[in-house]
């Protein structure tokens, strides 16, 4: 609508309003360029527990073995100590060592991906038939 006499209209606003709705928040609430959506969130380079443990276990320590000084990782040193204590007859060390060996064997004996079950073979044969290739 026009006011009589001054010649102004609603479309002469210096900052026209942008549409607001789904996916278009108001300009006042949008993130500013360079501002994170969660400025107090996890800082860059923050490490989790597994990363900290892995880095601690990969540090090298100097040991003397059979009169020779060597540098090995802390994980290697811990395993050597565990094996030596188990060999000396310590029951708790022996039980822990057996658990570690069994867990390692179970992890390495995962089912082969190469082996195809009977149901999978039927599905693959049907797909080849549909694609025009004979098995």
N, C-alpha and C. Protein backbone atom coordinates (compact mmCIF):
# COMPACT_ATOMS: atom_id res chain seq x y z
N UNK A 1 0.83 -1.18 0.00
CA UNK A 1 0.00 0.00 0.00
C UNK A 1 0.87 1.24 0.00
N UNK A 2 0.34 2.26 -0.60
CA UNK A 2 1.07 3.51 -0.68
C UNK A 2 0.47 4.52 0.29
N UNK A 3 1.37 5.26 0.86
CA UNK A 3 0.88 6.40 1.65
C UNK A 3 0.65 7.55 0.70
N UNK A 4 -0.30 8.28 1.00
CA UNK A 4 -0.59 9.39 0.09
C UNK A 4 0.37 10.54 0.36
N UNK A 5 1.00 10.99 -0.67
CA UNK A 5 1.76 12.20 -0.58
C UNK A 5 3.27 12.02 -0.47
N UNK A 6 3.83 10.98 0.24
CA UNK A 6 5.28 10.93 0.40
C UNK A 6 5.97 10.08 -0.66
N UNK A 7 5.27 9.24 -1.39
CA UNK A 7 5.83 8.50 -2.51
C UNK A 7 6.67 7.30 -2.08
N UNK A 8 6.66 6.89 -0.81
CA UNK A 8 7.45 5.74 -0.38
C UNK A 8 6.62 4.47 -0.50
N UNK A 9 7.33 3.34 -0.58
CA UNK A 9 6.62 2.07 -0.64
C UNK A 9 7.37 1.06 0.24
N UNK A 10 6.77 -0.11 0.45
CA UNK A 10 7.38 -1.13 1.29
C UNK A 10 8.61 -1.75 0.64
N UNK A 11 8.73 -1.70 -0.66
CA UNK A 11 9.85 -2.34 -1.35
C UNK A 11 11.12 -1.49 -1.31
N UNK A 12 11.10 -0.34 -0.71
CA UNK A 12 12.29 0.52 -0.65
C UNK A 12 13.10 0.28 0.61
N UNK A 13 12.86 -0.82 1.34
CA UNK A 13 13.62 -1.10 2.57
C UNK A 13 15.08 -1.31 2.21
N UNK A 14 16.02 -0.82 3.05
CA UNK A 14 17.44 -0.98 2.74
C UNK A 14 17.89 -2.45 2.80
N UNK A 15 17.32 -3.27 3.70
CA UNK A 15 17.68 -4.68 3.79
C UNK A 15 16.43 -5.53 3.61
N UNK A 16 16.21 -6.05 2.39
CA UNK A 16 15.03 -6.86 2.20
C UNK A 16 15.13 -8.15 3.01
N UNK A 17 14.01 -8.60 3.54
CA UNK A 17 14.01 -9.81 4.36
C UNK A 17 14.16 -11.04 3.47
N UNK A 18 15.01 -11.98 3.93
CA UNK A 18 15.17 -13.24 3.21
C UNK A 18 14.12 -14.21 3.71
N UNK A 19 13.76 -15.18 2.88
CA UNK A 19 12.75 -16.14 3.34
C UNK A 19 13.30 -16.97 4.50
N UNK A 20 12.47 -17.25 5.47
CA UNK A 20 12.83 -18.04 6.64
C UNK A 20 11.96 -19.27 6.64
N UNK A 21 12.56 -20.42 6.86
CA UNK A 21 11.81 -21.66 6.89
C UNK A 21 12.75 -22.83 7.04
N UNK A 22 12.33 -23.98 6.58
CA UNK A 22 13.13 -25.19 6.71
C UNK A 22 14.43 -25.02 5.94
N UNK A 23 15.56 -25.20 6.62
CA UNK A 23 16.86 -25.09 5.98
C UNK A 23 17.32 -23.66 5.78
N UNK A 24 16.52 -22.68 6.18
CA UNK A 24 16.87 -21.26 6.05
C UNK A 24 16.57 -20.55 7.35
N UNK A 25 17.48 -20.67 8.35
CA UNK A 25 17.23 -19.98 9.61
C UNK A 25 17.36 -18.47 9.45
N UNK A 26 16.83 -17.74 10.40
CA UNK A 26 16.96 -16.28 10.33
C UNK A 26 18.44 -15.86 10.32
N UNK A 27 18.74 -14.76 9.68
CA UNK A 27 20.12 -14.31 9.55
C UNK A 27 20.79 -14.11 10.90
N UNK A 28 20.05 -13.65 11.90
CA UNK A 28 20.64 -13.38 13.21
C UNK A 28 21.10 -14.64 13.91
N UNK A 29 20.53 -15.80 13.58
CA UNK A 29 20.88 -17.03 14.28
C UNK A 29 21.79 -17.95 13.47
N UNK A 30 22.18 -17.55 12.28
CA UNK A 30 23.06 -18.39 11.46
C UNK A 30 24.49 -18.32 12.00
N UNK A 31 25.27 -19.39 11.71
CA UNK A 31 26.67 -19.39 12.11
C UNK A 31 27.41 -18.33 11.31
N UNK A 32 28.29 -17.64 11.97
CA UNK A 32 29.11 -16.65 11.29
C UNK A 32 30.24 -17.36 10.54
N UNK A 33 30.77 -16.79 9.47
CA UNK A 33 31.88 -17.42 8.76
C UNK A 33 33.07 -17.64 9.69
N UNK A 34 33.60 -18.86 9.68
CA UNK A 34 34.73 -19.20 10.53
C UNK A 34 34.36 -19.61 11.93
N UNK A 35 33.09 -19.58 12.28
CA UNK A 35 32.65 -19.96 13.62
C UNK A 35 32.13 -21.39 13.58
N UNK A 36 32.56 -22.18 14.54
CA UNK A 36 32.14 -23.57 14.60
C UNK A 36 30.72 -23.66 15.13
N UNK A 37 30.05 -24.74 14.79
CA UNK A 37 28.72 -24.98 15.33
C UNK A 37 28.76 -25.36 16.79
N UNK A 38 29.91 -25.82 17.28
CA UNK A 38 30.06 -26.21 18.67
C UNK A 38 31.42 -25.70 19.15
N UNK A 39 31.53 -24.41 19.45
CA UNK A 39 32.84 -23.84 19.76
C UNK A 39 33.48 -24.41 21.03
N UNK A 40 32.69 -24.94 21.95
CA UNK A 40 33.26 -25.49 23.18
C UNK A 40 33.36 -27.01 23.11
N UNK A 41 33.25 -27.58 21.91
CA UNK A 41 33.30 -29.03 21.74
C UNK A 41 34.70 -29.57 21.90
N UNK A 42 34.89 -30.79 21.44
CA UNK A 42 36.17 -31.46 21.56
C UNK A 42 37.24 -30.67 20.83
N UNK A 43 38.35 -30.34 21.49
CA UNK A 43 39.40 -29.58 20.80
C UNK A 43 40.11 -30.44 19.78
N UNK A 44 40.68 -29.80 18.78
CA UNK A 44 41.41 -30.51 17.76
C UNK A 44 42.63 -31.18 18.40
N UNK A 45 42.89 -32.39 17.98
CA UNK A 45 44.05 -33.10 18.49
C UNK A 45 43.81 -33.78 19.83
N UNK A 46 42.60 -33.74 20.36
CA UNK A 46 42.31 -34.43 21.61
C UNK A 46 42.37 -35.93 21.34
N UNK A 47 43.02 -36.66 22.24
CA UNK A 47 43.22 -38.09 22.02
C UNK A 47 42.31 -38.89 22.94
N UNK A 48 41.84 -40.02 22.44
CA UNK A 48 41.01 -40.87 23.27
C UNK A 48 41.88 -41.89 24.00
N UNK A 49 41.26 -42.71 24.82
CA UNK A 49 42.00 -43.65 25.67
C UNK A 49 42.82 -44.64 24.85
N UNK A 50 42.24 -45.19 23.80
CA UNK A 50 42.98 -46.19 23.02
C UNK A 50 44.22 -45.58 22.35
N UNK A 51 44.14 -44.33 21.93
CA UNK A 51 45.30 -43.67 21.32
C UNK A 51 46.39 -43.45 22.35
N UNK A 52 45.99 -43.03 23.55
CA UNK A 52 46.97 -42.79 24.61
C UNK A 52 47.66 -44.09 25.01
N UNK A 53 46.87 -45.16 25.17
CA UNK A 53 47.44 -46.46 25.54
C UNK A 53 48.38 -46.96 24.44
N UNK A 54 47.96 -46.84 23.19
CA UNK A 54 48.80 -47.30 22.08
C UNK A 54 50.12 -46.54 22.02
N UNK A 55 50.08 -45.23 22.24
CA UNK A 55 51.33 -44.46 22.20
C UNK A 55 52.22 -44.79 23.39
N UNK A 56 51.63 -45.05 24.56
CA UNK A 56 52.44 -45.42 25.72
C UNK A 56 53.10 -46.78 25.52
N UNK A 57 52.35 -47.72 24.92
CA UNK A 57 52.91 -49.06 24.70
C UNK A 57 53.95 -49.08 23.59
N UNK A 58 53.94 -48.10 22.71
CA UNK A 58 54.91 -48.09 21.61
C UNK A 58 56.19 -47.34 21.97
N UNK A 59 56.26 -46.75 23.17
CA UNK A 59 57.49 -46.09 23.60
C UNK A 59 58.58 -47.14 23.81
N UNK A 60 59.81 -46.74 23.59
CA UNK A 60 60.91 -47.68 23.70
C UNK A 60 61.61 -47.52 25.06
N UNK A 61 62.03 -48.65 25.61
CA UNK A 61 62.78 -48.66 26.86
C UNK A 61 64.05 -49.49 26.64
N UNK A 62 65.08 -49.19 27.45
CA UNK A 62 66.35 -49.92 27.36
C UNK A 62 66.30 -51.07 28.34
N UNK A 63 66.64 -52.27 27.87
CA UNK A 63 66.70 -53.45 28.74
C UNK A 63 68.06 -54.10 28.57
N UNK A 64 68.43 -54.90 29.56
CA UNK A 64 69.65 -55.68 29.48
C UNK A 64 69.25 -57.14 29.43
N UNK A 65 69.58 -57.81 28.34
CA UNK A 65 69.21 -59.20 28.15
C UNK A 65 70.47 -59.97 27.76
N UNK A 66 70.84 -60.95 28.57
CA UNK A 66 72.05 -61.75 28.36
C UNK A 66 73.29 -60.86 28.27
N UNK A 67 73.34 -59.81 29.08
CA UNK A 67 74.50 -58.93 29.12
C UNK A 67 74.52 -57.87 28.03
N UNK A 68 73.55 -57.87 27.14
CA UNK A 68 73.50 -56.88 26.05
C UNK A 68 72.36 -55.91 26.30
N UNK A 69 72.63 -54.62 26.06
CA UNK A 69 71.57 -53.61 26.20
C UNK A 69 70.86 -53.47 24.86
N UNK A 70 69.53 -53.51 24.93
CA UNK A 70 68.70 -53.38 23.73
C UNK A 70 67.58 -52.41 24.03
N UNK A 71 67.03 -51.84 22.98
CA UNK A 71 65.86 -50.97 23.13
C UNK A 71 64.67 -51.68 22.48
N UNK A 72 63.64 -51.93 23.29
CA UNK A 72 62.43 -52.58 22.79
C UNK A 72 61.23 -51.75 23.26
N UNK A 73 60.08 -52.01 22.70
CA UNK A 73 58.88 -51.28 23.10
C UNK A 73 58.41 -51.77 24.47
N UNK A 74 57.63 -50.93 25.13
CA UNK A 74 57.10 -51.31 26.43
C UNK A 74 56.18 -52.52 26.33
N UNK A 75 55.46 -52.65 25.22
CA UNK A 75 54.61 -53.81 25.03
C UNK A 75 55.45 -55.09 24.96
N UNK A 76 56.53 -55.04 24.21
CA UNK A 76 57.43 -56.20 24.13
C UNK A 76 57.99 -56.53 25.51
N UNK A 77 58.38 -55.51 26.28
CA UNK A 77 58.94 -55.74 27.61
C UNK A 77 57.90 -56.36 28.53
N UNK A 78 56.66 -55.89 28.46
CA UNK A 78 55.61 -56.44 29.31
C UNK A 78 55.32 -57.89 28.96
N UNK A 79 55.29 -58.21 27.67
CA UNK A 79 55.04 -59.59 27.25
C UNK A 79 56.19 -60.49 27.70
N UNK A 80 57.45 -60.00 27.57
CA UNK A 80 58.59 -60.79 28.01
C UNK A 80 58.50 -61.08 29.51
N UNK A 81 58.12 -60.07 30.30
CA UNK A 81 57.99 -60.27 31.74
C UNK A 81 56.88 -61.26 32.05
N UNK A 82 55.77 -61.16 31.34
CA UNK A 82 54.66 -62.08 31.57
C UNK A 82 55.06 -63.51 31.25
N UNK A 83 55.74 -63.70 30.14
CA UNK A 83 56.18 -65.04 29.74
C UNK A 83 57.19 -65.59 30.75
N UNK A 84 58.12 -64.75 31.20
CA UNK A 84 59.12 -65.20 32.18
C UNK A 84 58.45 -65.58 33.50
N UNK A 85 57.49 -64.80 33.96
CA UNK A 85 56.80 -65.12 35.21
C UNK A 85 55.98 -66.38 35.07
N UNK A 86 55.36 -66.59 33.90
CA UNK A 86 54.59 -67.82 33.67
C UNK A 86 55.53 -69.03 33.62
N UNK A 87 56.70 -68.85 33.03
CA UNK A 87 57.67 -69.95 32.96
C UNK A 87 58.22 -70.28 34.34
N UNK A 88 58.26 -69.29 35.22
CA UNK A 88 58.75 -69.52 36.58
C UNK A 88 57.70 -70.23 37.43
N UNK A 89 56.49 -70.39 36.93
CA UNK A 89 55.47 -71.14 37.65
C UNK A 89 54.42 -70.30 38.33
N UNK A 90 54.38 -69.03 38.06
CA UNK A 90 53.36 -68.17 38.70
C UNK A 90 52.01 -68.47 38.04
N UNK A 91 51.04 -68.85 38.84
CA UNK A 91 49.75 -69.31 38.32
C UNK A 91 48.97 -68.19 37.64
N UNK A 92 48.95 -67.01 38.25
CA UNK A 92 48.18 -65.91 37.64
C UNK A 92 48.78 -65.49 36.30
N UNK A 93 50.09 -65.46 36.22
CA UNK A 93 50.75 -65.11 34.96
C UNK A 93 50.47 -66.16 33.90
N UNK A 94 50.47 -67.43 34.30
CA UNK A 94 50.18 -68.51 33.36
C UNK A 94 48.76 -68.40 32.83
N UNK A 95 47.79 -68.14 33.71
CA UNK A 95 46.40 -68.02 33.29
C UNK A 95 46.22 -66.84 32.34
N UNK A 96 46.85 -65.71 32.66
CA UNK A 96 46.73 -64.54 31.79
C UNK A 96 47.36 -64.80 30.43
N UNK A 97 48.50 -65.48 30.43
CA UNK A 97 49.18 -65.78 29.17
C UNK A 97 48.32 -66.71 28.30
N UNK A 98 47.70 -67.70 28.93
CA UNK A 98 46.83 -68.61 28.18
C UNK A 98 45.64 -67.85 27.60
N UNK A 99 45.07 -66.93 28.35
CA UNK A 99 43.95 -66.11 27.83
C UNK A 99 44.39 -65.28 26.64
N UNK A 100 45.58 -64.68 26.74
CA UNK A 100 46.07 -63.86 25.62
C UNK A 100 46.28 -64.70 24.37
N UNK A 101 46.85 -65.89 24.54
CA UNK A 101 47.10 -66.76 23.39
C UNK A 101 45.78 -67.20 22.77
N UNK A 102 44.81 -67.57 23.60
CA UNK A 102 43.51 -68.00 23.06
C UNK A 102 42.80 -66.87 22.35
N UNK A 103 42.86 -65.66 22.90
CA UNK A 103 42.21 -64.51 22.25
C UNK A 103 42.87 -64.22 20.91
N UNK A 104 44.20 -64.33 20.86
CA UNK A 104 44.92 -64.08 19.61
C UNK A 104 44.58 -65.14 18.57
N UNK A 105 44.48 -66.40 18.98
CA UNK A 105 44.13 -67.46 18.04
C UNK A 105 42.71 -67.32 17.53
N UNK A 106 41.79 -66.90 18.41
CA UNK A 106 40.40 -66.72 18.00
C UNK A 106 40.29 -65.57 17.01
N UNK A 107 41.10 -64.53 17.21
CA UNK A 107 41.05 -63.38 16.30
C UNK A 107 41.60 -63.74 14.94
N UNK A 108 42.66 -64.55 14.89
CA UNK A 108 43.27 -64.89 13.61
C UNK A 108 42.51 -65.98 12.87
N UNK A 109 41.66 -66.75 13.58
CA UNK A 109 40.93 -67.83 12.90
C UNK A 109 39.52 -67.38 12.52
N UNK A 110 39.39 -66.14 12.05
CA UNK A 110 38.12 -65.64 11.55
C UNK A 110 37.75 -66.44 10.30
N UNK A 111 36.46 -66.59 10.01
CA UNK A 111 36.09 -67.34 8.80
C UNK A 111 36.59 -66.62 7.55
N UNK A 112 37.06 -67.41 6.62
CA UNK A 112 37.59 -66.86 5.37
C UNK A 112 36.48 -66.25 4.55
N UNK A 113 36.78 -65.12 3.95
CA UNK A 113 35.81 -64.46 3.08
C UNK A 113 35.74 -65.21 1.75
N UNK A 114 36.83 -65.88 1.40
CA UNK A 114 36.89 -66.60 0.13
C UNK A 114 35.89 -67.75 0.07
N UNK A 115 35.64 -68.38 1.23
CA UNK A 115 34.71 -69.50 1.25
C UNK A 115 33.28 -68.98 1.05
N UNK A 116 32.56 -69.62 0.17
CA UNK A 116 31.20 -69.22 -0.14
C UNK A 116 30.26 -70.31 0.34
N UNK A 117 29.26 -69.90 1.11
CA UNK A 117 28.29 -70.86 1.60
C UNK A 117 27.36 -71.32 0.48
N UNK A 118 26.58 -72.34 0.79
CA UNK A 118 25.67 -72.90 -0.22
C UNK A 118 24.63 -71.88 -0.65
N UNK A 119 24.06 -71.16 0.32
CA UNK A 119 23.03 -70.16 0.00
C UNK A 119 23.63 -69.04 -0.85
N UNK A 120 24.86 -68.63 -0.51
CA UNK A 120 25.52 -67.57 -1.29
C UNK A 120 25.79 -68.04 -2.72
N UNK A 121 26.18 -69.28 -2.87
CA UNK A 121 26.45 -69.83 -4.20
C UNK A 121 25.19 -69.84 -5.05
N UNK A 122 24.05 -70.17 -4.44
CA UNK A 122 22.78 -70.18 -5.18
C UNK A 122 22.43 -68.77 -5.64
N UNK A 123 22.60 -67.80 -4.74
CA UNK A 123 22.28 -66.40 -5.09
C UNK A 123 23.20 -65.92 -6.20
N UNK A 124 24.49 -66.22 -6.11
CA UNK A 124 25.42 -65.78 -7.14
C UNK A 124 25.12 -66.43 -8.48
N UNK A 125 24.75 -67.70 -8.48
CA UNK A 125 24.39 -68.38 -9.73
C UNK A 125 23.14 -67.75 -10.34
N UNK A 126 22.16 -67.41 -9.52
CA UNK A 126 20.93 -66.78 -10.02
C UNK A 126 21.24 -65.41 -10.61
N UNK A 127 22.11 -64.64 -9.94
CA UNK A 127 22.48 -63.33 -10.47
C UNK A 127 23.20 -63.46 -11.81
N UNK A 128 24.09 -64.43 -11.92
CA UNK A 128 24.79 -64.63 -13.19
C UNK A 128 23.82 -65.03 -14.29
N UNK A 129 22.83 -65.86 -13.94
CA UNK A 129 21.84 -66.27 -14.92
C UNK A 129 21.03 -65.07 -15.40
N UNK A 130 20.65 -64.21 -14.46
CA UNK A 130 19.84 -63.02 -14.83
C UNK A 130 20.64 -62.05 -15.69
N UNK A 131 21.93 -61.98 -15.44
CA UNK A 131 22.76 -61.05 -16.20
C UNK A 131 23.16 -61.62 -17.56
N UNK A 132 22.75 -62.86 -17.83
CA UNK A 132 23.01 -63.46 -19.14
C UNK A 132 24.31 -64.23 -19.22
N UNK A 133 24.93 -64.45 -18.09
CA UNK A 133 26.18 -65.21 -18.06
C UNK A 133 25.89 -66.56 -17.42
N UNK A 134 26.43 -67.56 -18.01
CA UNK A 134 26.28 -68.90 -17.45
C UNK A 134 27.48 -69.21 -16.55
N UNK A 135 27.25 -69.84 -15.39
CA UNK A 135 28.37 -70.15 -14.48
C UNK A 135 29.29 -71.21 -15.01
